[in-house]
Amino acid sequence: RSSDNGQTREPMLGCTTVTSGGDAYTTQWNDNGP
């Protein structure tokens, strides 16, 4: 997530790994503005 169009960022929010099957989802993050 970035509030300056990618110049700086909050990296790896909600990082998750596929543990079985083939699908994985991160947690939801607020996108109001960034």
Full PDB file with SEQRES, HELIX, SHEET, SSBOND, CRYST1, ORIGX, SCALE, CONECT and MASTER records, all heavy atoms in Angstrom:
SEQRES   1 A   34  ARG SER SER ASP ASN GLY GLN THR ARG GLU PRO MET LEU          
SEQRES   2 A   34  GLY CYS THR THR VAL THR SER GLY GLY ASP ALA TYR THR          
SEQRES   3 A   34  THR GLN TRP ASN ASP ASN GLY PRO                              
CRYST1    1.000    1.000    1.000  90.00  90.00  90.00 P 1           1          
ORIGX1      1.000000  0.000000  0.000000        0.00000                         
ORIGX2      0.000000  1.000000  0.000000        0.00000                         
ORIGX3      0.000000  0.000000  1.000000        0.00000                         
SCALE1      1.000000  0.000000  0.000000        0.00000                         
SCALE2      0.000000  1.000000  0.000000        0.00000                         
SCALE3      0.000000  0.000000  1.000000        0.00000                         
ATOM      1  N   ARG A   1       0.866  -1.191   0.000  1.00  0.00           N  
ATOM      2  CA  ARG A   1       0.000   0.000   0.000  1.00  0.00           C  
ATOM      3  C   ARG A   1       0.893   1.228   0.000  1.00  0.00           C  
ATOM      4  O   ARG A   1       1.915   1.259   0.665  1.00  0.00           O  
ATOM      5  CB  ARG A   1      -0.890  -0.047   1.231  1.00  0.00           C  
ATOM      6  CG  ARG A   1      -1.810   1.118   1.382  1.00  0.00           C  
ATOM      7  CD  ARG A   1      -2.828   0.921   2.479  1.00  0.00           C  
ATOM      8  NE  ARG A   1      -2.214   0.606   3.762  1.00  0.00           N  
ATOM      9  CZ  ARG A   1      -2.891   0.221   4.832  1.00  0.00           C  
ATOM     10  NH1 ARG A   1      -4.200   0.094   4.779  1.00  0.00           N  
ATOM     11  NH2 ARG A   1      -2.272  -0.040   5.945  1.00  0.00           N  
ATOM     12  N   SER A   2       0.490   2.263  -0.760  1.00  0.00           N  
ATOM     13  CA  SER A   2       1.284   3.476  -0.860  1.00  0.00           C  
ATOM     14  C   SER A   2       0.381   4.709  -0.884  1.00  0.00           C  
ATOM     15  O   SER A   2      -0.637   4.722  -1.567  1.00  0.00           O  
ATOM     16  CB  SER A   2       2.121   3.453  -2.150  1.00  0.00           C  
ATOM     17  OG  SER A   2       2.814   4.669  -2.328  1.00  0.00           O  
ATOM     18  N   SER A   3       0.772   5.733  -0.150  1.00  0.00           N  
ATOM     19  CA  SER A   3       0.009   6.984  -0.165  1.00  0.00           C  
ATOM     20  C   SER A   3       0.651   8.024  -1.089  1.00  0.00           C  
ATOM     21  O   SER A   3       0.165   9.139  -1.198  1.00  0.00           O  
ATOM     22  CB  SER A   3      -0.130   7.548   1.251  1.00  0.00           C  
ATOM     23  OG  SER A   3       1.144   7.772   1.807  1.00  0.00           O  
ATOM     24  N   ASP A   4       1.749   7.661  -1.770  1.00  0.00           N  
ATOM     25  CA  ASP A   4       2.396   8.587  -2.705  1.00  0.00           C  
ATOM     26  C   ASP A   4       2.654   7.922  -4.069  1.00  0.00           C  
ATOM     27  O   ASP A   4       3.702   8.082  -4.666  1.00  0.00           O  
ATOM     28  CB  ASP A   4       3.684   9.162  -2.104  1.00  0.00           C  
ATOM     29  CG  ASP A   4       4.690   8.106  -1.694  1.00  0.00           C  
ATOM     30  OD1 ASP A   4       4.487   6.908  -2.010  1.00  0.00           O  
ATOM     31  OD2 ASP A   4       5.692   8.465  -1.052  1.00  0.00           O  
ATOM     32  N   ASN A   5       1.659   7.167  -4.526  1.00  0.00           N  
ATOM     33  CA  ASN A   5       1.691   6.520  -5.845  1.00  0.00           C  
ATOM     34  C   ASN A   5       2.883   5.615  -6.075  1.00  0.00           C  
ATOM     35  O   ASN A   5       3.439   5.559  -7.162  1.00  0.00           O  
ATOM     36  CB  ASN A   5       1.577   7.556  -6.963  1.00  0.00           C  
ATOM     37  CG  ASN A   5       0.206   8.171  -7.008  1.00  0.00           C  
ATOM     38  OD1 ASN A   5      -0.791   7.456  -6.922  1.00  0.00           O  
ATOM     39  ND2 ASN A   5       0.133   9.481  -7.122  1.00  0.00           N  
ATOM     40  N   GLY A   6       3.307   4.903  -5.038  1.00  0.00           N  
ATOM     41  CA  GLY A   6       4.348   3.902  -5.180  1.00  0.00           C  
ATOM     42  C   GLY A   6       5.762   4.372  -4.897  1.00  0.00           C  
ATOM     43  O   GLY A   6       6.699   3.587  -4.969  1.00  0.00           O  
ATOM     44  N   GLN A   7       5.944   5.652  -4.593  1.00  0.00           N  
ATOM     45  CA  GLN A   7       7.291   6.148  -4.272  1.00  0.00           C  
ATOM     46  C   GLN A   7       7.821   5.470  -3.004  1.00  0.00           C  
ATOM     47  O   GLN A   7       8.973   5.078  -2.943  1.00  0.00           O  
ATOM     48  CB  GLN A   7       7.288   7.668  -4.101  1.00  0.00           C  
ATOM     49  CG  GLN A   7       6.881   8.424  -5.344  1.00  0.00           C  
ATOM     50  CD  GLN A   7       7.858   8.228  -6.483  1.00  0.00           C  
ATOM     51  OE1 GLN A   7       9.066   8.182  -6.282  1.00  0.00           O  
ATOM     52  NE2 GLN A   7       7.335   8.086  -7.682  1.00  0.00           N  
ATOM     53  N   THR A   8       6.975   5.386  -1.997  1.00  0.00           N  
ATOM     54  CA  THR A   8       7.270   4.619  -0.787  1.00  0.00           C  
ATOM     55  C   THR A   8       6.069   3.713  -0.556  1.00  0.00           C  
ATOM     56  O   THR A   8       4.990   3.952  -1.098  1.00  0.00           O  
ATOM     57  CB  THR A   8       7.483   5.531   0.445  1.00  0.00           C  
ATOM     58  OG1 THR A   8       6.294   6.291   0.672  1.00  0.00           O  
ATOM     59  CG2 THR A   8       8.671   6.468   0.241  1.00  0.00           C  
ATOM     60  N   ARG A   9       6.268   2.687   0.242  1.00  0.00           N  
ATOM     61  CA  ARG A   9       5.163   1.750   0.423  1.00  0.00           C  
ATOM     62  C   ARG A   9       5.201   1.067   1.779  1.00  0.00           C  
ATOM     63  O   ARG A   9       6.246   1.004   2.412  1.00  0.00           O  
ATOM     64  CB  ARG A   9       5.175   0.699  -0.668  1.00  0.00           C  
ATOM     65  CG  ARG A   9       6.423  -0.173  -0.615  1.00  0.00           C  
ATOM     66  CD  ARG A   9       6.523  -1.122  -1.759  1.00  0.00           C  
ATOM     67  NE  ARG A   9       6.965  -0.404  -2.924  1.00  0.00           N  
ATOM     68  CZ  ARG A   9       7.066  -0.920  -4.122  1.00  0.00           C  
ATOM     69  NH1 ARG A   9       6.772  -2.167  -4.325  1.00  0.00           N  
ATOM     70  NH2 ARG A   9       7.466  -0.206  -5.135  1.00  0.00           N  
ATOM     71  N   GLU A  10       4.035   0.585   2.179  1.00  0.00           N  
ATOM     72  CA  GLU A  10       3.923  -0.329   3.307  1.00  0.00           C  
ATOM     73  C   GLU A  10       3.958  -1.719   2.670  1.00  0.00           C  
ATOM     74  O   GLU A  10       3.010  -2.122   2.015  1.00  0.00           O  
ATOM     75  CB  GLU A  10       2.601  -0.135   4.035  1.00  0.00           C  
ATOM     76  CG  GLU A  10       2.441   1.195   4.720  1.00  0.00           C  
ATOM     77  CD  GLU A  10       1.050   1.302   5.324  1.00  0.00           C  
ATOM     78  OE1 GLU A  10       0.797   0.645   6.351  1.00  0.00           O  
ATOM     79  OE2 GLU A  10       0.229   2.018   4.739  1.00  0.00           O  
ATOM     80  N   PRO A  11       5.050  -2.462   2.824  1.00  0.00           N  
ATOM     81  CA  PRO A  11       5.203  -3.710   2.080  1.00  0.00           C  
ATOM     82  C   PRO A  11       4.642  -4.930   2.802  1.00  0.00           C  
ATOM     83  O   PRO A  11       4.514  -4.961   4.024  1.00  0.00           O  
ATOM     84  CB  PRO A  11       6.714  -3.834   1.942  1.00  0.00           C  
ATOM     85  CG  PRO A  11       7.243  -3.207   3.184  1.00  0.00           C  
ATOM     86  CD  PRO A  11       6.288  -2.063   3.484  1.00  0.00           C  
ATOM     87  N   MET A  12       4.308  -5.917   2.015  1.00  0.00           N  
ATOM     88  CA  MET A  12       3.965  -7.275   2.438  1.00  0.00           C  
ATOM     89  C   MET A  12       2.857  -7.344   3.474  1.00  0.00           C  
ATOM     90  O   MET A  12       2.920  -8.119   4.429  1.00  0.00           O  
ATOM     91  CB  MET A  12       5.205  -8.016   2.896  1.00  0.00           C  
ATOM     92  CG  MET A  12       6.226  -8.164   1.785  1.00  0.00           C  
ATOM     93  SD  MET A  12       7.590  -9.239   2.163  1.00  0.00           S  
ATOM     94  CE  MET A  12       6.824 -10.823   1.785  1.00  0.00           C  
ATOM     95  N   LEU A  13       1.809  -6.532   3.281  1.00  0.00           N  
ATOM     96  CA  LEU A  13       0.652  -6.574   4.180  1.00  0.00           C  
ATOM     97  C   LEU A  13      -0.096  -7.885   3.973  1.00  0.00           C  
ATOM     98  O   LEU A  13      -0.380  -8.278   2.840  1.00  0.00           O  
ATOM     99  CB  LEU A  13      -0.281  -5.395   3.903  1.00  0.00           C  
ATOM    100  CG  LEU A  13       0.343  -4.005   4.030  1.00  0.00           C  
ATOM    101  CD1 LEU A  13      -0.648  -2.946   3.576  1.00  0.00           C  
ATOM    102  CD2 LEU A  13       0.783  -3.745   5.458  1.00  0.00           C  
ATOM    103  N   GLY A  14      -0.411  -8.565   5.036  1.00  0.00           N  
ATOM    104  CA  GLY A  14      -1.208  -9.780   4.976  1.00  0.00           C  
ATOM    105  C   GLY A  14      -0.547 -10.940   4.270  1.00  0.00           C  
ATOM    106  O   GLY A  14      -1.230 -11.817   3.748  1.00  0.00           O  
ATOM    107  N   CYS A  15       0.782 -10.966   4.252  1.00  0.00           N  
ATOM    108  CA  CYS A  15       1.495 -12.029   3.534  1.00  0.00           C  
ATOM    109  C   CYS A  15       0.991 -13.402   3.985  1.00  0.00           C  
ATOM    110  O   CYS A  15       0.897 -13.694   5.164  1.00  0.00           O  
ATOM    111  CB  CYS A  15       2.989 -11.909   3.786  1.00  0.00           C  
ATOM    112  SG  CYS A  15       3.963 -13.085   2.807  1.00  0.00           S  
ATOM    113  N   THR A  16       0.632 -14.220   3.010  1.00  0.00           N  
ATOM    114  CA  THR A  16       0.155 -15.567   3.291  1.00  0.00           C  
ATOM    115  C   THR A  16       0.735 -16.532   2.270  1.00  0.00           C  
ATOM    116  O   THR A  16       1.218 -16.128   1.217  1.00  0.00           O  
ATOM    117  CB  THR A  16      -1.393 -15.616   3.301  1.00  0.00           C  
ATOM    118  OG1 THR A  16      -1.817 -16.854   3.835  1.00  0.00           O  
ATOM    119  CG2 THR A  16      -1.975 -15.387   1.936  1.00  0.00           C  
ATOM    120  N   THR A  17       0.689 -17.798   2.596  1.00  0.00           N  
ATOM    121  CA  THR A  17       1.287 -18.846   1.773  1.00  0.00           C  
ATOM    122  C   THR A  17       0.235 -19.880   1.403  1.00  0.00           C  
ATOM    123  O   THR A  17      -0.623 -20.219   2.219  1.00  0.00           O  
ATOM    124  CB  THR A  17       2.421 -19.535   2.564  1.00  0.00           C  
ATOM    125  OG1 THR A  17       3.376 -18.548   2.956  1.00  0.00           O  
ATOM    126  CG2 THR A  17       3.123 -20.582   1.733  1.00  0.00           C  
ATOM    127  N   VAL A  18       0.324 -20.388   0.190  1.00  0.00           N  
ATOM    128  CA  VAL A  18      -0.539 -21.508  -0.199  1.00  0.00           C  
ATOM    129  C   VAL A  18      -0.074 -22.726   0.598  1.00  0.00           C  
ATOM    130  O   VAL A  18       1.089 -23.127   0.503  1.00  0.00           O  
ATOM    131  CB  VAL A  18      -0.454 -21.792  -1.719  1.00  0.00           C  
ATOM    132  CG1 VAL A  18      -1.266 -23.022  -2.086  1.00  0.00           C  
ATOM    133  CG2 VAL A  18      -0.892 -20.586  -2.529  1.00  0.00           C  
ATOM    134  N   THR A  19      -0.964 -23.270   1.424  1.00  0.00           N  
ATOM    135  CA  THR A  19      -0.594 -24.415   2.263  1.00  0.00           C  
ATOM    136  C   THR A  19      -1.198 -25.726   1.766  1.00  0.00           C  
ATOM    137  O   THR A  19      -0.696 -26.791   2.103  1.00  0.00           O  
ATOM    138  CB  THR A  19      -1.024 -24.181   3.723  1.00  0.00           C  
ATOM    139  OG1 THR A  19      -2.424 -23.935   3.763  1.00  0.00           O  
ATOM    140  CG2 THR A  19      -0.277 -23.007   4.326  1.00  0.00           C  
ATOM    141  N   SER A  20      -2.285 -25.644   1.009  1.00  0.00           N  
ATOM    142  CA  SER A  20      -2.876 -26.829   0.402  1.00  0.00           C  
ATOM    143  C   SER A  20      -3.747 -26.357  -0.752  1.00  0.00           C  
ATOM    144  O   SER A  20      -4.125 -25.186  -0.826  1.00  0.00           O  
ATOM    145  CB  SER A  20      -3.710 -27.612   1.422  1.00  0.00           C  
ATOM    146  OG  SER A  20      -4.808 -26.852   1.850  1.00  0.00           O  
ATOM    147  N   GLY A  21      -4.046 -27.239  -1.656  1.00  0.00           N  
ATOM    148  CA  GLY A  21      -4.799 -26.819  -2.835  1.00  0.00           C  
ATOM    149  C   GLY A  21      -3.970 -25.847  -3.646  1.00  0.00           C  
ATOM    150  O   GLY A  21      -2.751 -25.940  -3.689  1.00  0.00           O  
ATOM    151  N   GLY A  22      -4.600 -24.863  -4.244  1.00  0.00           N  
ATOM    152  CA  GLY A  22      -3.860 -23.913  -5.058  1.00  0.00           C  
ATOM    153  C   GLY A  22      -4.257 -22.470  -4.867  1.00  0.00           C  
ATOM    154  O   GLY A  22      -3.787 -21.596  -5.584  1.00  0.00           O  
ATOM    155  N   ASP A  23      -5.137 -22.189  -3.890  1.00  0.00           N  
ATOM    156  CA  ASP A  23      -5.653 -20.835  -3.715  1.00  0.00           C  
ATOM    157  C   ASP A  23      -5.272 -20.273  -2.349  1.00  0.00           C  
ATOM    158  O   ASP A  23      -5.192 -21.019  -1.374  1.00  0.00           O  
ATOM    159  CB  ASP A  23      -7.180 -20.810  -3.828  1.00  0.00           C  
ATOM    160  CG  ASP A  23      -7.687 -21.334  -5.161  1.00  0.00           C  
ATOM    161  OD1 ASP A  23      -6.886 -21.455  -6.097  1.00  0.00           O  
ATOM    162  OD2 ASP A  23      -8.892 -21.617  -5.250  1.00  0.00           O  
ATOM    163  N   ALA A  24      -5.032 -18.963  -2.292  1.00  0.00           N  
ATOM    164  CA  ALA A  24      -4.781 -18.282  -1.019  1.00  0.00           C  
ATOM    165  C   ALA A  24      -5.217 -16.834  -1.161  1.00  0.00           C  
ATOM    166  O   ALA A  24      -5.163 -16.257  -2.255  1.00  0.00           O  
ATOM    167  CB  ALA A  24      -3.304 -18.348  -0.631  1.00  0.00           C  
ATOM    168  N   TYR A  25      -5.666 -16.253  -0.058  1.00  0.00           N  
ATOM    169  CA  TYR A  25      -6.138 -14.871  -0.020  1.00  0.00           C  
ATOM    170  C   TYR A  25      -5.480 -14.156   1.150  1.00  0.00           C  
ATOM    171  O   TYR A  25      -5.329 -14.729   2.221  1.00  0.00           O  
ATOM    172  CB  TYR A  25      -7.660 -14.821   0.187  1.00  0.00           C  
ATOM    173  CG  TYR A  25      -8.439 -15.455  -0.932  1.00  0.00           C  
ATOM    174  CD1 TYR A  25      -8.684 -16.821  -0.939  1.00  0.00           C  
ATOM    175  CD2 TYR A  25      -8.912 -14.684  -1.973  1.00  0.00           C  
ATOM    176  CE1 TYR A  25      -9.396 -17.410  -1.973  1.00  0.00           C  
ATOM    177  CE2 TYR A  25      -9.632 -15.270  -3.008  1.00  0.00           C  
ATOM    178  CZ  TYR A  25      -9.860 -16.630  -2.999  1.00  0.00           C  
ATOM    179  OH  TYR A  25     -10.559 -17.197  -4.025  1.00  0.00           O  
ATOM    180  N   THR A  26      -5.123 -12.889   0.954  1.00  0.00           N  
ATOM    181  CA  THR A  26      -4.651 -12.077   2.070  1.00  0.00           C  
ATOM    182  C   THR A  26      -5.856 -11.566   2.844  1.00  0.00           C  
ATOM    183  O   THR A  26      -6.993 -11.685   2.388  1.00  0.00           O  
ATOM    184  CB  THR A  26      -3.842 -10.847   1.588  1.00  0.00           C  
ATOM    185  OG1 THR A  26      -4.724  -9.949   0.909  1.00  0.00           O  
ATOM    186  CG2 THR A  26      -2.685 -11.242   0.693  1.00  0.00           C  
ATOM    187  N   THR A  27      -5.618 -10.961   3.979  1.00  0.00           N  
ATOM    188  CA  THR A  27      -6.675 -10.252   4.678  1.00  0.00           C  
ATOM    189  C   THR A  27      -7.036  -9.016   3.859  1.00  0.00           C  
ATOM    190  O   THR A  27      -6.276  -8.585   2.984  1.00  0.00           O  
ATOM    191  CB  THR A  27      -6.215  -9.827   6.087  1.00  0.00           C  
ATOM    192  OG1 THR A  27      -4.981  -9.122   5.971  1.00  0.00           O  
ATOM    193  CG2 THR A  27      -6.009 -11.026   6.983  1.00  0.00           C  
ATOM    194  N   GLN A  28      -8.174  -8.419   4.135  1.00  0.00           N  
ATOM    195  CA  GLN A  28      -8.595  -7.210   3.429  1.00  0.00           C  
ATOM    196  C   GLN A  28      -7.914  -5.994   4.045  1.00  0.00           C  
ATOM    197  O   GLN A  28      -7.689  -5.942   5.250  1.00  0.00           O  
ATOM    198  CB  GLN A  28     -10.105  -7.035   3.513  1.00  0.00           C  
ATOM    199  CG  GLN A  28     -10.858  -8.054   2.717  1.00  0.00           C  
ATOM    200  CD  GLN A  28     -12.346  -7.780   2.715  1.00  0.00           C  
ATOM    201  OE1 GLN A  28     -12.890  -7.165   3.613  1.00  0.00           O  
ATOM    202  NE2 GLN A  28     -13.019  -8.241   1.675  1.00  0.00           N  
ATOM    203  N   TRP A  29      -7.612  -5.011   3.180  1.00  0.00           N  
ATOM    204  CA  TRP A  29      -6.938  -3.782   3.615  1.00  0.00           C  
ATOM    205  C   TRP A  29      -7.706  -2.569   3.130  1.00  0.00           C  
ATOM    206  O   TRP A  29      -8.263  -2.574   2.031  1.00  0.00           O  
ATOM    207  CB  TRP A  29      -5.506  -3.748   3.079  1.00  0.00           C  
ATOM    208  CG  TRP A  29      -4.713  -4.860   3.659  1.00  0.00           C  
ATOM    209  CD1 TRP A  29      -4.538  -6.106   3.116  1.00  0.00           C  
ATOM    210  CD2 TRP A  29      -4.071  -4.881   4.904  1.00  0.00           C  
ATOM    211  NE1 TRP A  29      -3.814  -6.883   3.962  1.00  0.00           N  
ATOM    212  CE2 TRP A  29      -3.495  -6.152   5.079  1.00  0.00           C  
ATOM    213  CE3 TRP A  29      -3.903  -3.939   5.912  1.00  0.00           C  
ATOM    214  CZ2 TRP A  29      -2.780  -6.505   6.203  1.00  0.00           C  
ATOM    215  CZ3 TRP A  29      -3.169  -4.297   7.035  1.00  0.00           C  
ATOM    216  CH2 TRP A  29      -2.620  -5.559   7.172  1.00  0.00           C  
ATOM    217  N   ASN A  30      -7.694  -1.524   3.937  1.00  0.00           N  
ATOM    218  CA  ASN A  30      -8.375  -0.275   3.611  1.00  0.00           C  
ATOM    219  C   ASN A  30      -7.710   0.374   2.406  1.00  0.00           C  
ATOM    220  O   ASN A  30      -6.514   0.627   2.405  1.00  0.00           O  
ATOM    221  CB  ASN A  30      -8.331   0.660   4.822  1.00  0.00           C  
ATOM    222  CG  ASN A  30      -9.076   1.946   4.589  1.00  0.00           C  
ATOM    223  OD1 ASN A  30      -9.592   2.207   3.515  1.00  0.00           O  
ATOM    224  ND2 ASN A  30      -9.131   2.761   5.616  1.00  0.00           N  
ATOM    225  N   ASP A  31      -8.499   0.665   1.390  1.00  0.00           N  
ATOM    226  CA  ASP A  31      -7.968   1.326   0.195  1.00  0.00           C  
ATOM    227  C   ASP A  31      -8.577   2.711   0.011  1.00  0.00           C  
ATOM    228  O   ASP A  31      -8.616   3.237  -1.094  1.00  0.00           O  
ATOM    229  CB  ASP A  31      -8.206   0.471  -1.045  1.00  0.00           C  
ATOM    230  CG  ASP A  31      -9.674   0.303  -1.377  1.00  0.00           C  
ATOM    231  OD1 ASP A  31     -10.532   0.588  -0.511  1.00  0.00           O  
ATOM    232  OD2 ASP A  31      -9.969  -0.128  -2.497  1.00  0.00           O  
ATOM    233  N   ASN A  32      -9.040   3.323   1.075  1.00  0.00           N  
ATOM    234  CA  ASN A  32      -9.636   4.653   1.018  1.00  0.00           C  
ATOM    235  C   ASN A  32      -8.521   5.697   0.976  1.00  0.00           C  
ATOM    236  O   ASN A  32      -8.063   6.171   2.002  1.00  0.00           O  
ATOM    237  CB  ASN A  32     -10.555   4.884   2.217  1.00  0.00           C  
ATOM    238  CG  ASN A  32     -11.318   6.190   2.097  1.00  0.00           C  
ATOM    239  OD1 ASN A  32     -11.332   6.797   1.031  1.00  0.00           O  
ATOM    240  ND2 ASN A  32     -11.926   6.613   3.182  1.00  0.00           N  
ATOM    241  N   GLY A  33      -8.052   6.035  -0.213  1.00  0.00           N  
ATOM    242  CA  GLY A  33      -7.004   7.036  -0.379  1.00  0.00           C  
ATOM    243  C   GLY A  33      -5.720   6.480  -0.970  1.00  0.00           C  
ATOM    244  O   GLY A  33      -5.285   6.938  -2.007  1.00  0.00           O  
ATOM    245  N   PRO A  34      -5.100   5.483  -0.352  1.00  0.00           N  
ATOM    246  CA  PRO A  34      -3.836   5.000  -0.899  1.00  0.00           C  
ATOM    247  C   PRO A  34      -4.041   4.131  -2.138  1.00  0.00           C  
ATOM    248  O   PRO A  34      -5.134   3.630  -2.384  1.00  0.00           O  
ATOM    249  CB  PRO A  34      -3.246   4.167   0.241  1.00  0.00           C  
ATOM    250  CG  PRO A  34      -4.407   3.717   1.040  1.00  0.00           C  
ATOM    251  CD  PRO A  34      -5.432   4.818   0.912  1.00  0.00           C  
TER     252      PRO A  34                                                      
MASTER        0    0    0    0    0    0    0    6  251    1    0    3          
END                                                                             
